[in-house]
Amino acid sequence: MFWLAPFLLFQLQQPLDIPDKNPHTTAADIEQGKRLYMGRCAGCHGPSGDGGKGANLAVPTLPRAAADRSLYRIIRYGIPDTEMPGSLMDAKELWQTAAFVHSLGQVPSAPITGNAQAGAQVFKSKGACLNCHALGNEGGRIGPSLSGIGARRGAAHLKAKIVNPAADVPDQFRLVQLTTKAGKTMRGIRLNEDTYSIQLRDFSGNPQSFWKADITQLTEEKKTNMPAYQGKLTDTELNDLVAFLANEKGAQ
């Protein structure tokens, strides 16, 4: 039950007088919200909101923020235990940013031209994606799970990630190499790290944990173990794979 404490504190810190409806939704508000978004949010969520390091915001209904009030709270306070931070913007700026974020879901997304059924075969065979990624109850654990990836990331981001995965590597999936005082060398994917310890997953998929006091050298590699598929897949195969992943919405 200890996990409830941070959540309850998070709830108690929030004011109770937040309006249910966004009071700043004029065209001028949305335009100002766009400027605020580009400066503070686009780095993670993408200029068009179709995802990146952060979630896909270009959807009709945001899973965590279907209501105006919920979206305001997330922008203001962030999401505990995630990379989504809070914001020091004033109330009007928060509402303007929320208005622009809401508008992203009203813009028609780019058409997906691939064949999702053919993409499933590319995913399982030529792409060998299950060697590292989990999808449902299948696959590996070296890379992030792809279950429901189509609900979290837009097609444009998915295609860019397949073509050039090293362009944006999430902190929790970066490669780490360490050497212990006993002379053991380990290289794997960083899962978690705090002041005293670090946990990583080796390339067999097994978690490993080390006390930092026992480590003599620790190096973070800002690259990914995922191969780039540019030139490895035909344009048709790439579009089919993107269609398959974009169609993977998970449990709705």
Protein backbone atom coordinates (compact mmCIF):
# COMPACT_ATOMS: atom_id res chain seq x y z
CA MET A 1 0.00 0.00 0.00
CA PHE A 2 3.06 2.32 0.19
CA TRP A 3 2.61 3.16 -3.49
CA LEU A 4 -0.54 5.08 -2.54
CA ALA A 5 1.37 7.73 -0.59
CA PRO A 6 2.91 9.63 -3.55
CA PHE A 7 -0.38 9.41 -5.45
CA LEU A 8 -2.42 10.79 -2.53
CA LEU A 9 0.12 13.57 -1.92
CA PHE A 10 -0.04 14.42 -5.64
CA GLN A 11 -3.83 14.68 -5.44
CA LEU A 12 -3.80 16.76 -2.24
CA GLN A 13 -1.36 19.28 -3.72
CA GLN A 14 -3.76 20.15 -6.52
CA PRO A 15 -6.23 23.06 -6.09
CA LEU A 16 -9.90 22.24 -6.17
CA ASP A 17 -11.03 25.38 -8.07
CA ILE A 18 -9.88 24.35 -11.57
CA PRO A 19 -12.77 24.98 -14.01
CA ASP A 20 -14.29 21.97 -15.74
CA LYS A 21 -14.12 23.71 -19.12
CA ASN A 22 -11.19 25.52 -20.68
CA PRO A 23 -11.88 29.30 -20.43
CA HIS A 24 -9.26 30.21 -23.07
CA THR A 25 -10.16 28.64 -26.41
CA THR A 26 -10.26 31.53 -28.89
CA ALA A 27 -8.18 31.42 -32.07
CA ALA A 28 -5.72 33.83 -30.42
CA ASP A 29 -5.49 31.56 -27.36
CA ILE A 30 -4.80 28.52 -29.52
CA GLU A 31 -2.12 30.40 -31.47
CA GLN A 32 -0.42 31.46 -28.23
CA GLY A 33 -0.80 27.91 -26.95
CA LYS A 34 1.00 26.70 -30.07
CA ARG A 35 3.94 29.00 -29.33
CA LEU A 36 4.09 27.76 -25.75
CA TYR A 37 3.81 24.14 -26.89
CA MET A 38 6.62 24.52 -29.44
CA GLY A 39 8.92 25.90 -26.78
CA ARG A 40 8.08 23.49 -23.98
CA CYS A 41 6.44 20.35 -25.33
CA ALA A 42 7.40 19.70 -28.96
CA GLY A 43 10.81 18.30 -28.03
CA CYS A 44 9.15 15.22 -26.53
CA HIS A 45 5.73 15.06 -28.20
CA GLY A 46 6.73 16.23 -31.68
CA PRO A 47 5.79 19.50 -33.44
CA SER A 48 2.56 17.91 -34.70
CA GLY A 49 1.92 16.07 -31.44
CA ASP A 50 2.30 12.65 -33.06
CA GLY A 51 4.65 11.35 -30.43
CA GLY A 52 8.34 10.82 -29.91
CA LYS A 53 9.86 10.52 -26.49
CA GLY A 54 6.43 11.55 -25.25
CA ALA A 55 2.97 10.20 -26.04
CA ASN A 56 0.95 10.81 -29.20
CA LEU A 57 -1.28 13.83 -28.58
CA ALA A 58 -2.78 13.98 -32.08
CA VAL A 59 -5.74 11.78 -31.19
CA PRO A 60 -9.43 12.66 -30.81
CA THR A 61 -9.47 11.62 -27.13
CA LEU A 62 -6.43 11.59 -24.86
CA PRO A 63 -6.49 8.42 -22.72
CA ARG A 64 -5.22 10.22 -19.59
CA ALA A 65 -6.95 13.55 -20.23
CA ALA A 66 -10.33 13.19 -21.90
CA ALA A 67 -11.66 16.22 -19.97
CA ASP A 68 -10.30 19.80 -20.03
CA ARG A 69 -9.68 19.76 -16.29
CA SER A 70 -7.63 16.55 -16.50
CA LEU A 71 -5.46 17.94 -19.31
CA TYR A 72 -4.82 21.13 -17.32
CA ARG A 73 -3.71 19.08 -14.32
CA ILE A 74 -1.32 16.96 -16.35
CA ILE A 75 0.31 19.99 -17.98
CA ARG A 76 0.55 21.76 -14.62
CA TYR A 77 1.65 18.90 -12.37
CA GLY A 78 3.06 16.30 -14.75
CA ILE A 79 2.54 12.58 -14.28
CA PRO A 80 4.22 10.95 -11.26
CA ASP A 81 6.81 8.22 -11.98
CA THR A 82 7.07 9.19 -15.67
CA GLU A 83 9.23 11.57 -17.69
CA MET A 84 6.29 13.98 -18.00
CA PRO A 85 7.28 17.00 -15.84
CA GLY A 86 5.13 19.69 -14.35
CA SER A 87 5.12 23.30 -15.60
CA LEU A 88 5.64 26.72 -14.03
CA MET A 89 3.41 28.49 -16.58
CA ASP A 90 0.63 30.66 -15.20
CA ALA A 91 -2.98 29.51 -15.35
CA LYS A 92 -3.82 31.32 -18.60
CA GLU A 93 -0.75 29.91 -20.36
CA LEU A 94 -1.62 26.41 -19.12
CA TRP A 95 -5.13 26.70 -20.54
CA GLN A 96 -3.81 28.10 -23.83
CA THR A 97 -1.38 25.20 -24.13
CA ALA A 98 -4.22 22.79 -23.35
CA ALA A 99 -6.36 24.43 -26.05
CA PHE A 100 -3.64 23.89 -28.64
CA VAL A 101 -3.06 20.29 -27.52
CA HIS A 102 -6.79 19.65 -27.88
CA SER A 103 -6.70 21.09 -31.40
CA LEU A 104 -4.05 18.55 -32.44
CA GLY A 105 -6.62 15.77 -32.25
CA GLN A 106 -8.91 17.64 -34.65
CA VAL A 107 -6.35 17.72 -37.46
CA PRO A 108 -6.72 14.78 -39.89
CA SER A 109 -3.71 12.49 -39.62
CA ALA A 110 -1.63 11.60 -42.65
CA PRO A 111 -3.08 8.61 -44.52
CA ILE A 112 -1.49 5.23 -43.89
CA THR A 113 -0.82 3.64 -47.26
CA GLY A 114 0.58 0.28 -46.21
CA ASN A 115 -1.11 -3.09 -45.82
CA ALA A 116 -1.31 -3.99 -42.13
CA GLN A 117 -1.79 -7.72 -42.81
CA ALA A 118 1.35 -7.83 -44.96
CA GLY A 119 3.11 -5.72 -42.31
CA ALA A 120 2.42 -8.40 -39.70
CA GLN A 121 4.49 -10.81 -41.76
CA VAL A 122 7.33 -8.29 -42.10
CA PHE A 123 7.18 -7.71 -38.34
CA LYS A 124 7.50 -11.42 -37.54
CA SER A 125 9.87 -12.53 -40.30
CA LYS A 126 12.17 -10.12 -42.16
CA GLY A 127 11.99 -7.43 -39.50
CA ALA A 128 12.60 -9.96 -36.70
CA CYS A 129 11.04 -7.43 -34.32
CA LEU A 130 9.98 -10.04 -31.75
CA ASN A 131 13.63 -10.82 -31.06
CA CYS A 132 13.78 -7.64 -28.96
CA HIS A 133 10.23 -6.32 -28.56
CA ALA A 134 7.20 -7.81 -26.87
CA LEU A 135 3.78 -7.74 -28.52
CA GLY A 136 1.10 -9.23 -26.34
CA ASN A 137 2.46 -12.45 -24.85
CA GLU A 138 5.12 -12.91 -27.52
CA GLY A 139 8.59 -11.49 -28.03
CA GLY A 140 11.66 -10.33 -26.16
CA ARG A 141 12.28 -7.77 -23.46
CA ILE A 142 15.40 -5.95 -24.62
CA GLY A 143 13.44 -3.16 -26.31
CA PRO A 144 10.24 -1.40 -25.23
CA SER A 145 6.95 -3.23 -25.51
CA LEU A 146 5.03 -2.58 -28.72
CA SER A 147 1.65 -3.57 -27.30
CA GLY A 148 -0.71 -0.69 -28.03
CA ILE A 149 2.04 1.27 -29.80
CA GLY A 150 -0.41 2.60 -32.40
CA ALA A 151 -2.35 4.36 -29.64
CA ARG A 152 0.80 5.99 -28.25
CA ARG A 153 2.73 6.97 -31.37
CA GLY A 154 1.75 8.37 -34.75
CA ALA A 155 2.59 6.73 -38.07
CA ALA A 156 5.15 9.40 -39.01
CA HIS A 157 7.06 8.85 -35.78
CA LEU A 158 6.93 5.06 -36.17
CA LYS A 159 8.38 5.28 -39.67
CA ALA A 160 11.15 7.65 -38.57
CA LYS A 161 12.02 5.35 -35.67
CA ILE A 162 12.26 2.28 -37.94
CA VAL A 163 14.42 4.11 -40.48
CA ASN A 164 16.73 5.81 -37.98
CA PRO A 165 16.26 4.49 -34.42
CA ALA A 166 19.40 6.22 -33.10
CA ALA A 167 17.93 9.69 -33.69
CA ASP A 168 16.04 9.67 -30.38
CA VAL A 169 16.85 7.03 -27.77
CA PRO A 170 14.74 7.06 -24.57
CA ASP A 171 16.87 7.35 -21.41
CA GLN A 172 15.53 4.08 -20.04
CA PHE A 173 16.62 2.13 -23.13
CA ARG A 174 20.14 3.44 -23.58
CA LEU A 175 23.11 1.12 -23.60
CA VAL A 176 25.29 1.03 -20.50
CA GLN A 177 28.66 -0.64 -19.92
CA LEU A 178 30.13 -1.11 -16.47
CA THR A 179 33.11 -2.76 -14.80
CA THR A 180 33.04 -3.96 -11.19
CA LYS A 181 35.85 -4.05 -8.63
CA ALA A 182 35.93 -7.81 -9.12
CA GLY A 183 36.76 -7.27 -12.81
CA LYS A 184 33.36 -8.24 -14.20
CA THR A 185 32.29 -6.32 -17.30
CA MET A 186 28.63 -6.02 -18.18
CA ARG A 187 26.90 -4.31 -21.10
CA GLY A 188 23.14 -4.01 -21.44
CA ILE A 189 20.03 -1.81 -21.49
CA ARG A 190 19.59 0.49 -18.50
CA LEU A 191 16.31 -0.21 -16.74
CA ASN A 192 16.63 1.94 -13.65
CA GLU A 193 19.21 3.97 -11.80
CA ASP A 194 19.38 5.82 -8.50
CA THR A 195 22.07 7.25 -6.26
CA TYR A 196 23.21 3.88 -4.94
CA SER A 197 22.43 1.26 -7.57
CA ILE A 198 21.80 0.59 -11.23
CA GLN A 199 19.71 -2.10 -12.91
CA LEU A 200 20.11 -3.23 -16.49
CA ARG A 201 18.98 -6.01 -18.77
CA ASP A 202 21.60 -8.09 -20.51
CA PHE A 203 21.21 -9.18 -24.12
CA SER A 204 19.77 -12.51 -23.05
CA GLY A 205 16.85 -10.61 -21.52
CA ASN A 206 17.89 -11.17 -17.89
CA PRO A 207 17.81 -8.31 -15.36
CA GLN A 208 21.02 -7.52 -13.51
CA SER A 209 21.51 -5.24 -10.50
CA PHE A 210 24.71 -3.64 -9.18
CA TRP A 211 25.62 -1.46 -6.21
CA LYS A 212 27.46 1.62 -7.43
CA ALA A 213 29.98 1.23 -4.61
CA ASP A 214 31.10 -1.98 -6.33
CA ILE A 215 31.53 -0.33 -9.77
CA THR A 216 34.86 1.13 -10.92
CA GLN A 217 33.72 2.36 -14.32
CA LEU A 218 30.27 3.22 -15.69
CA THR A 219 29.74 4.44 -19.24
CA GLU A 220 26.46 5.43 -20.88
CA GLU A 221 26.29 5.01 -24.63
CA LYS A 222 23.82 7.37 -26.26
CA LYS A 223 22.88 4.88 -28.93
CA THR A 224 20.49 2.01 -29.39
CA ASN A 225 20.86 -1.69 -30.04
CA MET A 226 18.01 -1.48 -32.57
CA PRO A 227 19.19 -1.75 -36.18
CA ALA A 228 18.26 0.85 -38.78
CA TYR A 229 15.99 -0.65 -41.44
CA GLN A 230 16.74 1.93 -44.11
CA GLY A 231 17.82 -0.16 -47.13
CA LYS A 232 16.98 -3.42 -45.36
CA LEU A 233 13.29 -3.17 -46.16
CA THR A 234 11.75 -2.12 -49.46
CA ASP A 235 9.52 0.96 -49.47
CA THR A 236 6.48 -1.34 -49.66
CA GLU A 237 7.66 -3.45 -46.72
CA LEU A 238 8.40 -0.35 -44.67
CA ASN A 239 4.95 1.12 -45.33
CA ASP A 240 3.32 -2.23 -44.54
CA LEU A 241 5.23 -2.50 -41.26
CA VAL A 242 4.23 1.04 -40.27
CA ALA A 243 0.60 0.22 -41.08
CA PHE A 244 0.75 -2.87 -38.88
CA LEU A 245 2.26 -1.00 -35.93
CA ALA A 246 -0.09 1.98 -36.33
CA ASN A 247 -3.01 -0.45 -36.25
CA GLU A 248 -1.79 -2.02 -32.99
CA LYS A 249 -4.02 -0.18 -30.51
CA GLY A 250 -3.91 -2.67 -27.64
CA ALA A 251 -6.86 -3.24 -25.36
CA GLN A 252 -9.43 -0.49 -25.88
